[in-house]
Amino acid sequence: MSEFRWDDALVLLALLQAGDQGSNLAGIAGYCDYVNHARPSEEELRVQLERLIAAGHARGDDCLYRPTDAARKGCAPELSRRSHLKAVDGVQRFLQGPARPQ
């Protein structure tokens, strides 16, 4: 069983969509709300980001968060999907694989 949930994949997809410029918590929450019609709390986002950072899928600080190069490469096919929900499912499949270093 994976340590990652669907919501973690949604947060990583938000970072992937933000690209090199990164995203702050408000931007991530806004993307999650847009895709899932549910806005995560700041506490929920911090827990999800900590999990993604610990696994080497994201990097950042209290201001801006970005995906790692490994996450970008592993999730690249998912970014071309027309449906955001299907893209989240694809990112979740990526997260269920072995952890990748930063």
PDB file of N, CA and C in Angstrom:
ATOM      1  N   MET A   1       0.844  -1.187   0.000  1.00  0.00           N
ATOM      2  CA  MET A   1       0.000   0.000   0.000  1.00  0.00           C
ATOM      3  C   MET A   1       0.881   1.240   0.000  1.00  0.00           C
ATOM      4  N   SER A   2       0.530   2.221  -0.806  1.00  0.00           N
ATOM      5  CA  SER A   2       1.305   3.443  -0.946  1.00  0.00           C
ATOM      6  C   SER A   2       1.073   4.371   0.240  1.00  0.00           C
ATOM      7  N   GLU A   3       2.107   5.133   0.568  1.00  0.00           N
ATOM      8  CA  GLU A   3       1.962   6.130   1.611  1.00  0.00           C
ATOM      9  C   GLU A   3       1.261   7.386   1.081  1.00  0.00           C
ATOM     10  N   PHE A   4       1.084   7.471  -0.209  1.00  0.00           N
ATOM     11  CA  PHE A   4       0.491   8.660  -0.821  1.00  0.00           C
ATOM     12  C   PHE A   4      -0.994   8.477  -1.083  1.00  0.00           C
ATOM     13  N   ARG A   5      -1.728   9.568  -0.905  1.00  0.00           N
ATOM     14  CA  ARG A   5      -3.168   9.579  -1.175  1.00  0.00           C
ATOM     15  C   ARG A   5      -3.415  10.333  -2.475  1.00  0.00           C
ATOM     16  N   TRP A   6      -4.655  10.258  -2.931  1.00  0.00           N
ATOM     17  CA  TRP A   6      -5.057  10.972  -4.145  1.00  0.00           C
ATOM     18  C   TRP A   6      -4.816  12.463  -3.983  1.00  0.00           C
ATOM     19  N   ASP A   7      -5.083  12.993  -2.803  1.00  0.00           N
ATOM     20  CA  ASP A   7      -4.876  14.425  -2.553  1.00  0.00           C
ATOM     21  C   ASP A   7      -3.413  14.819  -2.690  1.00  0.00           C
ATOM     22  N   ASP A   8      -2.502  13.922  -2.337  1.00  0.00           N
ATOM     23  CA  ASP A   8      -1.075  14.201  -2.511  1.00  0.00           C
ATOM     24  C   ASP A   8      -0.752  14.350  -3.999  1.00  0.00           C
ATOM     25  N   ALA A   9      -1.344  13.487  -4.806  1.00  0.00           N
ATOM     26  CA  ALA A   9      -1.135  13.559  -6.256  1.00  0.00           C
ATOM     27  C   ALA A   9      -1.692  14.864  -6.806  1.00  0.00           C
ATOM     28  N   LEU A  10      -2.813  15.305  -6.283  1.00  0.00           N
ATOM     29  CA  LEU A  10      -3.397  16.575  -6.718  1.00  0.00           C
ATOM     30  C   LEU A  10      -2.462  17.734  -6.387  1.00  0.00           C
ATOM     31  N   VAL A  11      -1.867  17.716  -5.204  1.00  0.00           N
ATOM     32  CA  VAL A  11      -0.925  18.779  -4.816  1.00  0.00           C
ATOM     33  C   VAL A  11       0.305  18.738  -5.717  1.00  0.00           C
ATOM     34  N   LEU A  12       0.833  17.558  -5.999  1.00  0.00           N
ATOM     35  CA  LEU A  12       1.984  17.469  -6.897  1.00  0.00           C
ATOM     36  C   LEU A  12       1.616  17.961  -8.288  1.00  0.00           C
ATOM     37  N   LEU A  13       0.430  17.638  -8.769  1.00  0.00           N
ATOM     38  CA  LEU A  13       0.002  18.137 -10.077  1.00  0.00           C
ATOM     39  C   LEU A  13      -0.080  19.658 -10.063  1.00  0.00           C
ATOM     40  N   ALA A  14      -0.538  20.245  -8.974  1.00  0.00           N
ATOM     41  CA  ALA A  14      -0.569  21.709  -8.863  1.00  0.00           C
ATOM     42  C   ALA A  14       0.839  22.280  -9.012  1.00  0.00           C
ATOM     43  N   LEU A  15       1.816  21.639  -8.392  1.00  0.00           N
ATOM     44  CA  LEU A  15       3.201  22.094  -8.516  1.00  0.00           C
ATOM     45  C   LEU A  15       3.717  21.925  -9.937  1.00  0.00           C
ATOM     46  N   LEU A  16       3.377  20.801 -10.547  1.00  0.00           N
ATOM     47  CA  LEU A  16       3.796  20.562 -11.923  1.00  0.00           C
ATOM     48  C   LEU A  16       3.204  21.601 -12.870  1.00  0.00           C
ATOM     49  N   GLN A  17       1.958  21.962 -12.644  1.00  0.00           N
ATOM     50  CA  GLN A  17       1.309  22.974 -13.482  1.00  0.00           C
ATOM     51  C   GLN A  17       1.939  24.351 -13.276  1.00  0.00           C
ATOM     52  N   ALA A  18       2.403  24.626 -12.053  1.00  0.00           N
ATOM     53  CA  ALA A  18       3.029  25.922 -11.765  1.00  0.00           C
ATOM     54  C   ALA A  18       4.403  26.030 -12.422  1.00  0.00           C
ATOM     55  N   GLY A  19       5.073  24.902 -12.612  1.00  0.00           N
ATOM     56  CA  GLY A  19       6.360  24.897 -13.292  1.00  0.00           C
ATOM     57  C   GLY A  19       7.478  25.519 -12.475  1.00  0.00           C
ATOM     58  N   ASP A  20       8.444  26.100 -13.196  1.00  0.00           N
ATOM     59  CA  ASP A  20       9.635  26.656 -12.559  1.00  0.00           C
ATOM     60  C   ASP A  20       9.346  27.836 -11.646  1.00  0.00           C
ATOM     61  N   GLN A  21       8.287  28.558 -11.912  1.00  0.00           N
ATOM     62  CA  GLN A  21       7.987  29.719 -11.068  1.00  0.00           C
ATOM     63  C   GLN A  21       7.531  29.297  -9.681  1.00  0.00           C
ATOM     64  N   GLY A  22       7.086  28.053  -9.544  1.00  0.00           N
ATOM     65  CA  GLY A  22       6.637  27.559  -8.247  1.00  0.00           C
ATOM     66  C   GLY A  22       5.279  28.096  -7.867  1.00  0.00           C
ATOM     67  N   SER A  23       4.829  27.689  -6.713  1.00  0.00           N
ATOM     68  CA  SER A  23       3.518  28.127  -6.233  1.00  0.00           C
ATOM     69  C   SER A  23       3.544  28.238  -4.722  1.00  0.00           C
ATOM     70  N   ASN A  24       2.797  29.192  -4.214  1.00  0.00           N
ATOM     71  CA  ASN A  24       2.645  29.317  -2.765  1.00  0.00           C
ATOM     72  C   ASN A  24       1.430  28.499  -2.324  1.00  0.00           C
ATOM     73  N   LEU A  25       1.194  28.473  -1.033  1.00  0.00           N
ATOM     74  CA  LEU A  25       0.085  27.668  -0.508  1.00  0.00           C
ATOM     75  C   LEU A  25      -1.261  28.103  -1.086  1.00  0.00           C
ATOM     76  N   ALA A  26      -1.460  29.405  -1.232  1.00  0.00           N
ATOM     77  CA  ALA A  26      -2.727  29.894  -1.774  1.00  0.00           C
ATOM     78  C   ALA A  26      -2.931  29.431  -3.212  1.00  0.00           C
ATOM     79  N   GLY A  27      -1.869  29.436  -4.006  1.00  0.00           N
ATOM     80  CA  GLY A  27      -1.966  28.979  -5.389  1.00  0.00           C
ATOM     81  C   GLY A  27      -2.255  27.494  -5.484  1.00  0.00           C
ATOM     82  N   ILE A  28      -1.611  26.719  -4.625  1.00  0.00           N
ATOM     83  CA  ILE A  28      -1.849  25.273  -4.601  1.00  0.00           C
ATOM     84  C   ILE A  28      -3.289  24.991  -4.188  1.00  0.00           C
ATOM     85  N   ALA A  29      -3.745  25.669  -3.147  1.00  0.00           N
ATOM     86  CA  ALA A  29      -5.121  25.478  -2.669  1.00  0.00           C
ATOM     87  C   ALA A  29      -6.121  25.863  -3.751  1.00  0.00           C
ATOM     88  N   GLY A  30      -5.845  26.948  -4.476  1.00  0.00           N
ATOM     89  CA  GLY A  30      -6.729  27.378  -5.554  1.00  0.00           C
ATOM     90  C   GLY A  30      -6.815  26.352  -6.672  1.00  0.00           C
ATOM     91  N   TYR A  31      -5.680  25.761  -7.032  1.00  0.00           N
ATOM     92  CA  TYR A  31      -5.690  24.727  -8.073  1.00  0.00           C
ATOM     93  C   TYR A  31      -6.482  23.505  -7.606  1.00  0.00           C
ATOM     94  N   CYS A  32      -6.260  23.111  -6.350  1.00  0.00           N
ATOM     95  CA  CYS A  32      -7.000  21.965  -5.794  1.00  0.00           C
ATOM     96  C   CYS A  32      -8.503  22.233  -5.810  1.00  0.00           C
ATOM     97  N   ASP A  33      -8.886  23.436  -5.473  1.00  0.00           N
ATOM     98  CA  ASP A  33     -10.297  23.814  -5.481  1.00  0.00           C
ATOM     99  C   ASP A  33     -10.848  23.779  -6.908  1.00  0.00           C
ATOM    100  N   TYR A  34     -10.073  24.266  -7.861  1.00  0.00           N
ATOM    101  CA  TYR A  34     -10.490  24.270  -9.264  1.00  0.00           C
ATOM    102  C   TYR A  34     -10.738  22.849  -9.777  1.00  0.00           C
ATOM    103  N   VAL A  35      -9.828  21.942  -9.466  1.00  0.00           N
ATOM    104  CA  VAL A  35      -9.922  20.579  -9.980  1.00  0.00           C
ATOM    105  C   VAL A  35     -10.922  19.740  -9.198  1.00  0.00           C
ATOM    106  N   ASN A  36     -10.886  19.838  -7.867  1.00  0.00           N
ATOM    107  CA  ASN A  36     -11.646  18.931  -7.017  1.00  0.00           C
ATOM    108  C   ASN A  36     -12.835  19.583  -6.321  1.00  0.00           C
ATOM    109  N   HIS A  37     -13.015  20.874  -6.526  1.00  0.00           N
ATOM    110  CA  HIS A  37     -14.104  21.627  -5.887  1.00  0.00           C
ATOM    111  C   HIS A  37     -14.067  21.482  -4.369  1.00  0.00           C
ATOM    112  N   ALA A  38     -12.853  21.435  -3.848  1.00  0.00           N
ATOM    113  CA  ALA A  38     -12.644  21.374  -2.396  1.00  0.00           C
ATOM    114  C   ALA A  38     -11.307  22.044  -2.106  1.00  0.00           C
ATOM    115  N   ARG A  39     -11.334  23.025  -1.249  1.00  0.00           N
ATOM    116  CA  ARG A  39     -10.126  23.779  -0.936  1.00  0.00           C
ATOM    117  C   ARG A  39      -9.485  23.188   0.327  1.00  0.00           C
ATOM    118  N   PRO A  40      -8.257  22.635   0.214  1.00  0.00           N
ATOM    119  CA  PRO A  40      -7.604  22.076   1.395  1.00  0.00           C
ATOM    120  C   PRO A  40      -7.178  23.184   2.353  1.00  0.00           C
ATOM    121  N   SER A  41      -7.116  22.845   3.624  1.00  0.00           N
ATOM    122  CA  SER A  41      -6.655  23.816   4.617  1.00  0.00           C
ATOM    123  C   SER A  41      -5.141  23.968   4.503  1.00  0.00           C
ATOM    124  N   GLU A  42      -4.622  25.025   5.093  1.00  0.00           N
ATOM    125  CA  GLU A  42      -3.178  25.248   5.095  1.00  0.00           C
ATOM    126  C   GLU A  42      -2.470  24.089   5.791  1.00  0.00           C
ATOM    127  N   GLU A  43      -3.040  23.606   6.867  1.00  0.00           N
ATOM    128  CA  GLU A  43      -2.443  22.486   7.601  1.00  0.00           C
ATOM    129  C   GLU A  43      -2.388  21.229   6.733  1.00  0.00           C
ATOM    130  N   GLU A  44      -3.477  20.935   6.021  1.00  0.00           N
ATOM    131  CA  GLU A  44      -3.494  19.770   5.131  1.00  0.00           C
ATOM    132  C   GLU A  44      -2.415  19.900   4.053  1.00  0.00           C
ATOM    133  N   LEU A  45      -2.304  21.093   3.466  1.00  0.00           N
ATOM    134  CA  LEU A  45      -1.299  21.306   2.428  1.00  0.00           C
ATOM    135  C   LEU A  45       0.112  21.129   2.969  1.00  0.00           C
ATOM    136  N   ARG A  46       0.367  21.636   4.144  1.00  0.00           N
ATOM    137  CA  ARG A  46       1.715  21.506   4.729  1.00  0.00           C
ATOM    138  C   ARG A  46       2.069  20.038   4.956  1.00  0.00           C
ATOM    139  N   VAL A  47       1.125  19.246   5.429  1.00  0.00           N
ATOM    140  CA  VAL A  47       1.365  17.809   5.638  1.00  0.00           C
ATOM    141  C   VAL A  47       1.641  17.129   4.297  1.00  0.00           C
ATOM    142  N   GLN A  48       0.835  17.448   3.286  1.00  0.00           N
ATOM    143  CA  GLN A  48       1.024  16.840   1.967  1.00  0.00           C
ATOM    144  C   GLN A  48       2.359  17.247   1.364  1.00  0.00           C
ATOM    145  N   LEU A  49       2.713  18.526   1.488  1.00  0.00           N
ATOM    146  CA  LEU A  49       3.987  18.993   0.947  1.00  0.00           C
ATOM    147  C   LEU A  49       5.164  18.368   1.681  1.00  0.00           C
ATOM    148  N   GLU A  50       5.070  18.236   2.981  1.00  0.00           N
ATOM    149  CA  GLU A  50       6.139  17.580   3.744  1.00  0.00           C
ATOM    150  C   GLU A  50       6.336  16.141   3.259  1.00  0.00           C
ATOM    151  N   ARG A  51       5.234  15.448   3.002  1.00  0.00           N
ATOM    152  CA  ARG A  51       5.303  14.062   2.520  1.00  0.00           C
ATOM    153  C   ARG A  51       5.972  14.021   1.135  1.00  0.00           C
ATOM    154  N   LEU A  52       5.585  14.932   0.261  1.00  0.00           N
ATOM    155  CA  LEU A  52       6.167  14.971  -1.087  1.00  0.00           C
ATOM    156  C   LEU A  52       7.644  15.360  -1.046  1.00  0.00           C
ATOM    157  N   ILE A  53       7.998  16.312  -0.189  1.00  0.00           N
ATOM    158  CA  ILE A  53       9.400  16.732  -0.062  1.00  0.00           C
ATOM    159  C   ILE A  53      10.241  15.591   0.500  1.00  0.00           C
ATOM    160  N   ALA A  54       9.752  14.918   1.528  1.00  0.00           N
ATOM    161  CA  ALA A  54      10.495  13.813   2.145  1.00  0.00           C
ATOM    162  C   ALA A  54      10.763  12.688   1.147  1.00  0.00           C
ATOM    163  N   ALA A  55       9.858  12.501   0.204  1.00  0.00           N
ATOM    164  CA  ALA A  55      10.009  11.440  -0.793  1.00  0.00           C
ATOM    165  C   ALA A  55      10.821  11.895  -2.007  1.00  0.00           C
ATOM    166  N   GLY A  56      11.204  13.167  -2.041  1.00  0.00           N
ATOM    167  CA  GLY A  56      11.997  13.658  -3.158  1.00  0.00           C
ATOM    168  C   GLY A  56      11.205  14.062  -4.376  1.00  0.00           C
ATOM    169  N   HIS A  57       9.913  14.320  -4.216  1.00  0.00           N
ATOM    170  CA  HIS A  57       9.069  14.709  -5.349  1.00  0.00           C
ATOM    171  C   HIS A  57       8.853  16.213  -5.437  1.00  0.00           C
ATOM    172  N   ALA A  58       9.141  16.930  -4.346  1.00  0.00           N
ATOM    173  CA  ALA A  58       8.936  18.378  -4.319  1.00  0.00           C
ATOM    174  C   ALA A  58      10.049  19.013  -3.495  1.00  0.00           C
ATOM    175  N   ARG A  59      10.211  20.304  -3.679  1.00  0.00           N
ATOM    176  CA  ARG A  59      11.163  21.076  -2.889  1.00  0.00           C
ATOM    177  C   ARG A  59      10.548  22.434  -2.630  1.00  0.00           C
ATOM    178  N   GLY A  60      11.013  23.083  -1.599  1.00  0.00           N
ATOM    179  CA  GLY A  60      10.492  24.408  -1.328  1.00  0.00           C
ATOM    180  C   GLY A  60      10.710  24.826   0.102  1.00  0.00           C
ATOM    181  N   ASP A  61      10.084  25.952   0.414  1.00  0.00           N
ATOM    182  CA  ASP A  61      10.152  26.509   1.752  1.00  0.00           C
ATOM    183  C   ASP A  61       8.765  27.027   2.101  1.00  0.00           C
ATOM    184  N   ASP A  62       8.671  27.909   3.057  1.00  0.00           N
ATOM    185  CA  ASP A  62       7.358  28.408   3.457  1.00  0.00           C
ATOM    186  C   ASP A  62       6.730  29.350   2.441  1.00  0.00           C
ATOM    187  N   CYS A  63       7.491  29.746   1.424  1.00  0.00           N
ATOM    188  CA  CYS A  63       6.956  30.700   0.447  1.00  0.00           C
ATOM    189  C   CYS A  63       6.574  30.049  -0.880  1.00  0.00           C
ATOM    190  N   LEU A  64       7.511  29.336  -1.495  1.00  0.00           N
ATOM    191  CA  LEU A  64       7.268  28.746  -2.811  1.00  0.00           C
ATOM    192  C   LEU A  64       7.664  27.277  -2.840  1.00  0.00           C
ATOM    193  N   TYR A  65       6.863  26.512  -3.544  1.00  0.00           N
ATOM    194  CA  TYR A  65       7.110  25.078  -3.690  1.00  0.00           C
ATOM    195  C   TYR A  65       7.172  24.745  -5.174  1.00  0.00           C
ATOM    196  N   ARG A  66       8.045  23.782  -5.497  1.00  0.00           N
ATOM    197  CA  ARG A  66       8.237  23.367  -6.883  1.00  0.00           C
ATOM    198  C   ARG A  66       8.391  21.846  -6.942  1.00  0.00           C
ATOM    199  N   PRO A  67       8.094  21.247  -8.096  1.00  0.00           N
ATOM    200  CA  PRO A  67       8.370  19.816  -8.254  1.00  0.00           C
ATOM    201  C   PRO A  67       9.864  19.616  -8.500  1.00  0.00           C
ATOM    202  N   THR A  68      10.368  18.461  -8.154  1.00  0.00           N
ATOM    203  CA  THR A  68      11.761  18.144  -8.477  1.00  0.00           C
ATOM    204  C   THR A  68      11.845  17.753  -9.948  1.00  0.00           C
ATOM    205  N   ASP A  69      13.066  17.725 -10.456  1.00  0.00           N
ATOM    206  CA  ASP A  69      13.266  17.314 -11.848  1.00  0.00           C
ATOM    207  C   ASP A  69      12.785  15.884 -12.063  1.00  0.00           C
ATOM    208  N   ALA A  70      13.010  15.022 -11.068  1.00  0.00           N
ATOM    209  CA  ALA A  70      12.561  13.626 -11.189  1.00  0.00           C
ATOM    210  C   ALA A  70      11.041  13.547 -11.294  1.00  0.00           C
ATOM    211  N   ALA A  71      10.342  14.359 -10.518  1.00  0.00           N
ATOM    212  CA  ALA A  71       8.877  14.367 -10.589  1.00  0.00           C
ATOM    213  C   ALA A  71       8.413  14.906 -11.937  1.00  0.00           C
ATOM    214  N   ARG A  72       9.071  15.949 -12.418  1.00  0.00           N
ATOM    215  CA  ARG A  72       8.714  16.494 -13.737  1.00  0.00           C
ATOM    216  C   ARG A  72       8.875  15.435 -14.825  1.00  0.00           C
ATOM    217  N   LYS A  73      10.005  14.753 -14.776  1.00  0.00           N
ATOM    218  CA  LYS A  73      10.273  13.733 -15.799  1.00  0.00           C
ATOM    219  C   LYS A  73       9.287  12.565 -15.683  1.00  0.00           C
ATOM    220  N   GLY A  74       9.058  12.097 -14.466  1.00  0.00           N
ATOM    221  CA  GLY A  74       8.170  10.958 -14.272  1.00  0.00           C
ATOM    222  C   GLY A  74       6.716  11.242 -14.573  1.00  0.00           C
ATOM    223  N   CYS A  75       6.310  12.492 -14.422  1.00  0.00           N
ATOM    224  CA  CYS A  75       4.898  12.860 -14.618  1.00  0.00           C
ATOM    225  C   CYS A  75       4.646  13.573 -15.942  1.00  0.00           C
ATOM    226  N   ALA A  76       5.674  13.767 -16.752  1.00  0.00           N
ATOM    227  CA  ALA A  76       5.521  14.520 -18.005  1.00  0.00           C
ATOM    228  C   ALA A  76       4.360  14.041 -18.869  1.00  0.00           C
ATOM    229  N   PRO A  77       4.163  12.726 -19.046  1.00  0.00           N
ATOM    230  CA  PRO A  77       3.038  12.291 -19.882  1.00  0.00           C
ATOM    231  C   PRO A  77       1.675  12.714 -19.319  1.00  0.00           C
ATOM    232  N   GLU A  78       1.588  12.860 -18.021  1.00  0.00           N
ATOM    233  CA  GLU A  78       0.298  13.197 -17.403  1.00  0.00           C
ATOM    234  C   GLU A  78      -0.091  14.654 -17.650  1.00  0.00           C
ATOM    235  N   LEU A  79       0.879  15.514 -17.903  1.00  0.00           N
ATOM    236  CA  LEU A  79       0.578  16.934 -18.085  1.00  0.00           C
ATOM    237  C   LEU A  79      -0.124  17.228 -19.399  1.00  0.00           C
ATOM    238  N   SER A  80      -0.073  16.294 -20.332  1.00  0.00           N
ATOM    239  CA  SER A  80      -0.735  16.515 -21.623  1.00  0.00           C
ATOM    240  C   SER A  80      -2.175  16.003 -21.637  1.00  0.00           C
ATOM    241  N   ARG A  81      -2.628  15.425 -20.551  1.00  0.00           N
ATOM    242  CA  ARG A  81      -4.007  14.913 -20.505  1.00  0.00           C
ATOM    243  C   ARG A  81      -4.992  16.077 -20.513  1.00  0.00           C
ATOM    244  N   ARG A  82      -6.112  15.876 -21.186  1.00  0.00           N
ATOM    245  CA  ARG A  82      -7.141  16.922 -21.246  1.00  0.00           C
ATOM    246  C   ARG A  82      -7.873  17.059 -19.924  1.00  0.00           C
ATOM    247  N   SER A  83      -8.078  15.979 -19.236  1.00  0.00           N
ATOM    248  CA  SER A  83      -8.822  15.984 -17.988  1.00  0.00           C
ATOM    249  C   SER A  83      -7.861  16.105 -16.811  1.00  0.00           C
ATOM    250  N   HIS A  84      -8.090  17.107 -15.978  1.00  0.00           N
ATOM    251  CA  HIS A  84      -7.260  17.267 -14.783  1.00  0.00           C
ATOM    252  C   HIS A  84      -7.406  16.064 -13.862  1.00  0.00           C
ATOM    253  N   LEU A  85      -8.614  15.524 -13.763  1.00  0.00           N
ATOM    254  CA  LEU A  85      -8.836  14.382 -12.878  1.00  0.00           C
ATOM    255  C   LEU A  85      -8.065  13.153 -13.353  1.00  0.00           C
ATOM    256  N   LYS A  86      -8.017  12.936 -14.657  1.00  0.00           N
ATOM    257  CA  LYS A  86      -7.236  11.811 -15.188  1.00  0.00           C
ATOM    258  C   LYS A  86      -5.743  12.051 -14.973  1.00  0.00           C
ATOM    259  N   ALA A  87      -5.323  13.306 -15.068  1.00  0.00           N
ATOM    260  CA  ALA A  87      -3.920  13.632 -14.806  1.00  0.00           C
ATOM    261  C   ALA A  87      -3.565  13.340 -13.352  1.00  0.00           C
ATOM    262  N   VAL A  88      -4.467  13.654 -12.428  1.00  0.00           N
ATOM    263  CA  VAL A  88      -4.229  13.349 -11.014  1.00  0.00           C
ATOM    264  C   VAL A  88      -4.081  11.842 -10.835  1.00  0.00           C
ATOM    265  N   ASP A  89      -4.919  11.065 -11.483  1.00  0.00           N
ATOM    266  CA  ASP A  89      -4.817   9.605 -11.396  1.00  0.00           C
ATOM    267  C   ASP A  89      -3.459   9.124 -11.906  1.00  0.00           C
ATOM    268  N   GLY A  90      -2.979   9.720 -12.992  1.00  0.00           N
ATOM    269  CA  GLY A  90      -1.667   9.348 -13.528  1.00  0.00           C
ATOM    270  C   GLY A  90      -0.537   9.726 -12.589  1.00  0.00           C
ATOM    271  N   VAL A  91      -0.625  10.896 -11.981  1.00  0.00           N
ATOM    272  CA  VAL A  91       0.390  11.316 -11.012  1.00  0.00           C
ATOM    273  C   VAL A  91       0.353  10.390  -9.800  1.00  0.00           C
ATOM    274  N   GLN A  92      -0.826   9.963  -9.410  1.00  0.00           N
ATOM    275  CA  GLN A  92      -0.926   9.031  -8.288  1.00  0.00           C
ATOM    276  C   GLN A  92      -0.226   7.712  -8.623  1.00  0.00           C
ATOM    277  N   ARG A  93      -0.368   7.243  -9.853  1.00  0.00           N
ATOM    278  CA  ARG A  93       0.343   6.024 -10.261  1.00  0.00           C
ATOM    279  C   ARG A  93       1.858   6.237 -10.157  1.00  0.00           C
ATOM    280  N   PHE A  94       2.324   7.408 -10.563  1.00  0.00           N
ATOM    281  CA  PHE A  94       3.748   7.740 -10.425  1.00  0.00           C
ATOM    282  C   PHE A  94       4.168   7.691  -8.953  1.00  0.00           C
ATOM    283  N   LEU A  95       3.361   8.263  -8.078  1.00  0.00           N
ATOM    284  CA  LEU A  95       3.692   8.294  -6.655  1.00  0.00           C
ATOM    285  C   LEU A  95       3.704   6.903  -6.036  1.00  0.00           C
ATOM    286  N   GLN A  96       2.956   5.995  -6.575  1.00  0.00           N
ATOM    287  CA  GLN A  96       2.917   4.639  -6.035  1.00  0.00           C
ATOM    288  C   GLN A  96       4.150   3.828  -6.387  1.00  0.00           C
ATOM    289  N   GLY A  97       4.969   4.376  -7.308  1.00  0.00           N
ATOM    290  CA  GLY A  97       6.225   3.707  -7.675  1.00  0.00           C
ATOM    291  C   GLY A  97       7.289   3.966  -6.612  1.00  0.00           C
ATOM    292  N   PRO A  98       8.505   3.509  -6.846  1.00  0.00           N
ATOM    293  CA  PRO A  98       9.577   3.721  -5.877  1.00  0.00           C
ATOM    294  C   PRO A  98       9.913   5.204  -5.722  1.00  0.00           C
ATOM    295  N   ALA A  99      10.345   5.605  -4.546  1.00  0.00           N
ATOM    296  CA  ALA A  99      10.704   7.004  -4.279  1.00  0.00           C
ATOM    297  C   ALA A  99      11.880   7.405  -5.141  1.00  0.00           C
ATOM    298  N   ARG A 100      11.863   8.632  -5.582  1.00  0.00           N
ATOM    299  CA  ARG A 100      12.944   9.151  -6.422  1.00  0.00           C
ATOM    300  C   ARG A 100      13.719  10.203  -5.654  1.00  0.00           C
ATOM    301  N   PRO A 101      15.033  10.216  -5.754  1.00  0.00           N
ATOM    302  CA  PRO A 101      15.822  11.239  -5.039  1.00  0.00           C
ATOM    303  C   PRO A 101      15.638  12.611  -5.662  1.00  0.00           C
ATOM    304  N   GLN A 102      15.924  13.648  -4.900  1.00  0.00           N
ATOM    305  CA  GLN A 102      15.786  15.028  -5.396  1.00  0.00           C
ATOM    306  C   GLN A 102      16.796  15.336  -6.460  1.00  0.00           C
TER     307      GLN A 102
END
